[in-house]
Amino acid sequence: MKKNIHPELKDCTITCACGASFTTKSTKDNISIEVCSECHPFYTGKQGRNKKTGNIEKFNRKYGLDSNKENKAA
């Protein structure tokens, strides 16, 4: 690397909205974030609020179609 052209890395404190904080290296002193690995639903296992049904099931419910019945024209 060339000397005197790269920014200086220093210790940085990252603070999440949930209150968790950790340190890393950055060009900034402090960074505020909204979601971290301690409060994100993927990492905590609390994904119950997320969409569980697919688009096809949602369409069938909206238009009253039943996936178990077959619509036969007589």
Protein backbone atom coordinates (compact mmCIF):
# COMPACT_ATOMS: atom_id res chain seq x y z
CA MET A 1 0.00 0.00 0.00
CA LYS A 2 1.11 3.53 -0.62
CA LYS A 3 1.82 5.59 2.45
CA ASN A 4 -0.11 8.71 3.45
CA ILE A 5 -3.11 8.17 1.15
CA HIS A 6 -5.28 5.84 3.26
CA PRO A 7 -7.51 7.08 6.09
CA GLU A 8 -6.46 6.22 9.60
CA LEU A 9 -8.41 3.39 11.24
CA LYS A 10 -9.31 3.84 14.88
CA ASP A 11 -11.46 2.07 17.46
CA CYS A 12 -15.15 2.65 16.83
CA THR A 13 -18.13 1.96 19.08
CA ILE A 14 -21.23 0.71 17.30
CA THR A 15 -24.46 1.22 19.23
CA CYS A 16 -27.76 -0.41 18.30
CA ALA A 17 -31.24 0.96 18.98
CA CYS A 18 -31.87 -2.03 21.28
CA GLY A 19 -29.00 -0.93 23.53
CA ALA A 20 -26.36 -3.44 22.47
CA SER A 21 -22.93 -2.10 21.59
CA PHE A 22 -19.62 -3.48 20.38
CA THR A 23 -16.31 -2.14 19.14
CA THR A 24 -14.59 -2.49 15.81
CA LYS A 25 -12.20 -0.53 13.58
CA SER A 26 -13.48 2.30 11.41
CA THR A 27 -12.64 5.79 10.21
CA LYS A 28 -15.46 7.14 12.40
CA ASP A 29 -15.55 7.32 16.20
CA ASN A 30 -19.18 6.27 16.79
CA ILE A 31 -21.82 4.62 14.60
CA SER A 32 -25.51 4.23 15.46
CA ILE A 33 -27.49 1.40 13.86
CA GLU A 34 -31.13 0.32 14.05
CA VAL A 35 -30.79 -3.48 13.94
CA CYS A 36 -28.00 -5.76 15.14
CA SER A 37 -27.53 -9.51 15.49
CA GLU A 38 -28.96 -9.41 19.03
CA CYS A 39 -32.33 -7.93 18.02
CA HIS A 40 -32.79 -9.03 14.38
CA PRO A 41 -35.58 -11.66 14.03
CA PHE A 42 -33.41 -13.95 11.88
CA TYR A 43 -30.78 -14.30 14.58
CA THR A 44 -33.14 -14.36 17.57
CA GLY A 45 -35.50 -16.98 16.07
CA LYS A 46 -38.58 -14.77 16.46
CA GLN A 47 -39.73 -14.73 12.87
CA GLY A 48 -43.38 -15.37 13.75
CA ARG A 49 -44.49 -12.00 12.40
CA ASN A 50 -43.08 -12.64 8.98
CA LYS A 51 -45.15 -13.87 6.07
CA LYS A 52 -45.74 -17.61 6.38
CA THR A 53 -47.96 -18.14 3.36
CA GLY A 54 -46.91 -17.87 -0.21
CA ASN A 55 -48.46 -15.78 -2.93
CA ILE A 56 -50.45 -18.69 -4.38
CA GLU A 57 -52.15 -19.49 -1.07
CA LYS A 58 -52.90 -15.80 -0.56
CA PHE A 59 -54.47 -15.57 -4.05
CA ASN A 60 -56.58 -18.69 -3.47
CA ARG A 61 -57.90 -17.36 -0.15
CA LYS A 62 -58.69 -13.96 -1.67
CA TYR A 63 -60.77 -15.40 -4.50
CA GLY A 64 -62.33 -18.27 -2.54
CA LEU A 65 -60.52 -21.03 -4.37
CA ASP A 66 -59.80 -24.26 -2.55
CA SER A 67 -56.62 -26.09 -3.52
CA ASN A 68 -58.18 -29.46 -2.51
CA LYS A 69 -61.19 -29.18 -4.86
CA GLU A 70 -60.83 -29.53 -8.56
CA ASN A 71 -62.99 -27.22 -10.65
CA LYS A 72 -64.48 -29.40 -13.39
CA ALA A 73 -66.69 -28.06 -16.12
CA ALA A 74 -69.67 -30.37 -16.74
